Amino acid sequence: EAEEHINIQEMRTASLVARRLARDRRNWGGRHLLFVDNLVVLACLRRMRSRSFPLLRLVRRIAAITLSTGLRLIVRWVPTYLNFADGPSHGDPVGIARQNQLTASRKLAEPGEEEEQQLPEQV
């Protein structure tokens, strides 16, 4: 049995999120932030269209849910190495994934010594 393409798997997850949000009437009409680390899914959900028919079917399902319930999905991209939920989905232990995410965020927050040395001195 062939495994589905990662784009379709990620879009199925977004569809699942929309369905779960739509179950509770308190969520209807509200804005909900959805972080994705897949640029194809981001583009499809922002434009609500796709050339790929399997993706288009899922986009239409999400569009039907959001239209009927008034849900507004605000989709934002997060780099894969900062997505601490991505590690366990690939079989990494939760602690390792969280540790990698914290290490990556520290590298972004604090410039390294190499970067500081490359900056030109101002006179």
C-alpha atoms as a PDB file:
ATOM      1  CA  GLU A   1       0.000   0.000   0.000  1.00  0.00           C
ATOM      2  CA  ALA A   2       1.408   3.378  -1.042  1.00  0.00           C
ATOM      3  CA  GLU A   3       1.652   6.052   1.608  1.00  0.00           C
ATOM      4  CA  GLU A   4      -0.034   9.400   0.940  1.00  0.00           C
ATOM      5  CA  HIS A   5       2.071  12.378   0.008  1.00  0.00           C
ATOM      6  CA  ILE A   6       3.084  14.569   2.941  1.00  0.00           C
ATOM      7  CA  ASN A   7       1.088  17.525   1.562  1.00  0.00           C
ATOM      8  CA  ILE A   8      -2.109  15.488   1.625  1.00  0.00           C
ATOM      9  CA  GLN A   9      -1.350  14.190   5.127  1.00  0.00           C
ATOM     10  CA  GLU A  10      -0.791  17.723   6.415  1.00  0.00           C
ATOM     11  CA  MET A  11      -3.968  18.971   4.715  1.00  0.00           C
ATOM     12  CA  ARG A  12      -5.927  16.108   6.308  1.00  0.00           C
ATOM     13  CA  THR A  13      -4.671  17.328   9.664  1.00  0.00           C
ATOM     14  CA  ALA A  14      -5.866  20.860   8.886  1.00  0.00           C
ATOM     15  CA  SER A  15      -9.237  19.391   7.895  1.00  0.00           C
ATOM     16  CA  LEU A  16      -9.389  17.520  11.189  1.00  0.00           C
ATOM     17  CA  VAL A  17      -8.680  20.763  13.069  1.00  0.00           C
ATOM     18  CA  ALA A  18     -11.500  22.533  11.219  1.00  0.00           C
ATOM     19  CA  ARG A  19     -13.937  19.696  11.948  1.00  0.00           C
ATOM     20  CA  ARG A  20     -13.038  19.631  15.637  1.00  0.00           C
ATOM     21  CA  LEU A  21     -13.416  23.392  15.937  1.00  0.00           C
ATOM     22  CA  ALA A  22     -16.803  23.210  14.214  1.00  0.00           C
ATOM     23  CA  ARG A  23     -18.132  20.675  16.733  1.00  0.00           C
ATOM     24  CA  ASP A  24     -18.429  23.307  19.460  1.00  0.00           C
ATOM     25  CA  ARG A  25     -20.856  26.132  18.724  1.00  0.00           C
ATOM     26  CA  ARG A  26     -18.809  28.482  20.904  1.00  0.00           C
ATOM     27  CA  ASN A  27     -16.116  28.406  18.200  1.00  0.00           C
ATOM     28  CA  TRP A  28     -18.521  29.410  15.430  1.00  0.00           C
ATOM     29  CA  GLY A  29     -17.899  32.871  14.060  1.00  0.00           C
ATOM     30  CA  GLY A  30     -14.502  33.114  15.737  1.00  0.00           C
ATOM     31  CA  ARG A  31     -10.967  33.434  14.493  1.00  0.00           C
ATOM     32  CA  HIS A  32      -8.624  30.517  15.109  1.00  0.00           C
ATOM     33  CA  LEU A  33      -4.868  30.480  14.627  1.00  0.00           C
ATOM     34  CA  LEU A  34      -3.461  27.465  12.795  1.00  0.00           C
ATOM     35  CA  PHE A  35       0.304  26.956  12.566  1.00  0.00           C
ATOM     36  CA  VAL A  36       1.620  24.836   9.699  1.00  0.00           C
ATOM     37  CA  ASP A  37       5.151  23.952   8.641  1.00  0.00           C
ATOM     38  CA  ASN A  38       4.197  22.998   5.097  1.00  0.00           C
ATOM     39  CA  LEU A  39       4.234  25.843   2.563  1.00  0.00           C
ATOM     40  CA  VAL A  40       1.956  23.997   0.129  1.00  0.00           C
ATOM     41  CA  VAL A  41      -0.731  23.657   2.801  1.00  0.00           C
ATOM     42  CA  LEU A  42      -0.230  27.300   3.771  1.00  0.00           C
ATOM     43  CA  ALA A  43      -0.745  28.486   0.195  1.00  0.00           C
ATOM     44  CA  CYS A  44      -3.754  26.219  -0.362  1.00  0.00           C
ATOM     45  CA  LEU A  45      -5.488  27.358   2.814  1.00  0.00           C
ATOM     46  CA  ARG A  46      -4.777  31.038   2.258  1.00  0.00           C
ATOM     47  CA  ARG A  47      -6.106  30.993  -1.294  1.00  0.00           C
ATOM     48  CA  MET A  48      -8.608  28.145  -0.816  1.00  0.00           C
ATOM     49  CA  ARG A  49      -7.556  26.546  -4.093  1.00  0.00           C
ATOM     50  CA  SER A  50      -5.130  23.971  -5.445  1.00  0.00           C
ATOM     51  CA  ARG A  51      -4.183  22.403  -8.747  1.00  0.00           C
ATOM     52  CA  SER A  52      -3.837  19.013  -7.116  1.00  0.00           C
ATOM     53  CA  PHE A  53      -7.231  17.306  -7.053  1.00  0.00           C
ATOM     54  CA  PRO A  54      -6.639  15.364  -3.794  1.00  0.00           C
ATOM     55  CA  LEU A  55      -5.626  18.630  -2.093  1.00  0.00           C
ATOM     56  CA  LEU A  56      -8.517  20.485  -3.717  1.00  0.00           C
ATOM     57  CA  ARG A  57     -11.018  17.996  -2.258  1.00  0.00           C
ATOM     58  CA  LEU A  58      -9.665  18.644   1.238  1.00  0.00           C
ATOM     59  CA  VAL A  59      -9.570  22.414   0.672  1.00  0.00           C
ATOM     60  CA  ARG A  60     -13.219  22.312  -0.405  1.00  0.00           C
ATOM     61  CA  ARG A  61     -14.115  20.328   2.713  1.00  0.00           C
ATOM     62  CA  ILE A  62     -12.426  22.949   4.894  1.00  0.00           C
ATOM     63  CA  ALA A  63     -14.098  25.744   2.925  1.00  0.00           C
ATOM     64  CA  ALA A  64     -17.513  24.147   3.455  1.00  0.00           C
ATOM     65  CA  ILE A  65     -16.900  23.869   7.203  1.00  0.00           C
ATOM     66  CA  THR A  66     -15.680  27.443   7.544  1.00  0.00           C
ATOM     67  CA  LEU A  67     -18.506  28.818   5.410  1.00  0.00           C
ATOM     68  CA  SER A  68     -21.244  26.963   7.260  1.00  0.00           C
ATOM     69  CA  THR A  69     -19.971  27.773  10.752  1.00  0.00           C
ATOM     70  CA  GLY A  70     -18.374  31.183  10.248  1.00  0.00           C
ATOM     71  CA  LEU A  71     -15.002  29.864  11.443  1.00  0.00           C
ATOM     72  CA  ARG A  72     -12.070  31.945  10.283  1.00  0.00           C
ATOM     73  CA  LEU A  73      -8.804  30.036  10.122  1.00  0.00           C
ATOM     74  CA  ILE A  74      -5.797  32.323  10.364  1.00  0.00           C
ATOM     75  CA  VAL A  75      -2.988  30.222   8.896  1.00  0.00           C
ATOM     76  CA  ARG A  76       0.623  31.025   9.746  1.00  0.00           C
ATOM     77  CA  TRP A  77       3.841  29.291   8.774  1.00  0.00           C
ATOM     78  CA  VAL A  78       6.379  28.068  11.330  1.00  0.00           C
ATOM     79  CA  PRO A  79       9.748  26.552  10.337  1.00  0.00           C
ATOM     80  CA  THR A  80       9.872  22.790  10.788  1.00  0.00           C
ATOM     81  CA  TYR A  81      12.791  22.945  13.208  1.00  0.00           C
ATOM     82  CA  LEU A  82      10.745  25.220  15.498  1.00  0.00           C
ATOM     83  CA  ASN A  83       7.669  22.998  15.337  1.00  0.00           C
ATOM     84  CA  PHE A  84       7.963  20.920  18.506  1.00  0.00           C
ATOM     85  CA  ALA A  85       4.953  18.822  17.481  1.00  0.00           C
ATOM     86  CA  ASP A  86       6.707  17.623  14.331  1.00  0.00           C
ATOM     87  CA  GLY A  87       9.318  15.462  16.077  1.00  0.00           C
ATOM     88  CA  PRO A  88       6.942  12.950  17.690  1.00  0.00           C
ATOM     89  CA  SER A  89       5.069  12.562  14.400  1.00  0.00           C
ATOM     90  CA  HIS A  90       8.350  11.312  12.901  1.00  0.00           C
ATOM     91  CA  GLY A  91       9.039   8.935  15.763  1.00  0.00           C
ATOM     92  CA  ASP A  92      11.320  11.134  17.885  1.00  0.00           C
ATOM     93  CA  PRO A  93      10.755  11.090  21.654  1.00  0.00           C
ATOM     94  CA  VAL A  94       8.876  14.140  22.945  1.00  0.00           C
ATOM     95  CA  GLY A  95      11.761  15.296  25.157  1.00  0.00           C
ATOM     96  CA  ILE A  96      14.245  15.239  22.278  1.00  0.00           C
ATOM     97  CA  ALA A  97      11.899  17.173  19.997  1.00  0.00           C
ATOM     98  CA  ARG A  98      11.310  19.813  22.670  1.00  0.00           C
ATOM     99  CA  GLN A  99      15.034  20.083  23.379  1.00  0.00           C
ATOM    100  CA  ASN A 100      15.786  20.573  19.659  1.00  0.00           C
ATOM    101  CA  GLN A 101      13.103  23.249  19.432  1.00  0.00           C
ATOM    102  CA  LEU A 102      14.496  25.136  22.421  1.00  0.00           C
ATOM    103  CA  THR A 103      18.035  24.942  21.038  1.00  0.00           C
ATOM    104  CA  ALA A 104      16.897  26.281  17.670  1.00  0.00           C
ATOM    105  CA  SER A 105      14.949  29.143  19.229  1.00  0.00           C
ATOM    106  CA  ARG A 106      17.981  30.139  21.335  1.00  0.00           C
ATOM    107  CA  LYS A 107      20.115  30.252  18.199  1.00  0.00           C
ATOM    108  CA  LEU A 108      17.609  32.608  16.595  1.00  0.00           C
ATOM    109  CA  ALA A 109      17.341  34.817  19.680  1.00  0.00           C
ATOM    110  CA  GLU A 110      21.077  35.157  20.386  1.00  0.00           C
ATOM    111  CA  PRO A 111      23.500  35.907  17.554  1.00  0.00           C
ATOM    112  CA  GLY A 112      26.533  33.648  17.590  1.00  0.00           C
ATOM    113  CA  GLU A 113      30.102  34.822  18.096  1.00  0.00           C
ATOM    114  CA  GLU A 114      30.832  34.284  14.414  1.00  0.00           C
ATOM    115  CA  GLU A 115      28.029  36.619  13.389  1.00  0.00           C
ATOM    116  CA  GLU A 116      29.165  39.305  15.830  1.00  0.00           C
ATOM    117  CA  GLN A 117      32.729  39.198  14.463  1.00  0.00           C
ATOM    118  CA  GLN A 118      31.531  39.625  10.886  1.00  0.00           C
ATOM    119  CA  LEU A 119      29.729  42.879  11.603  1.00  0.00           C
ATOM    120  CA  PRO A 120      31.666  45.923  10.401  1.00  0.00           C
ATOM    121  CA  GLU A 121      32.865  48.318  13.034  1.00  0.00           C
ATOM    122  CA  GLN A 122      31.327  51.763  12.923  1.00  0.00           C
ATOM    123  CA  VAL A 123      33.649  54.709  13.324  1.00  0.00           C
END
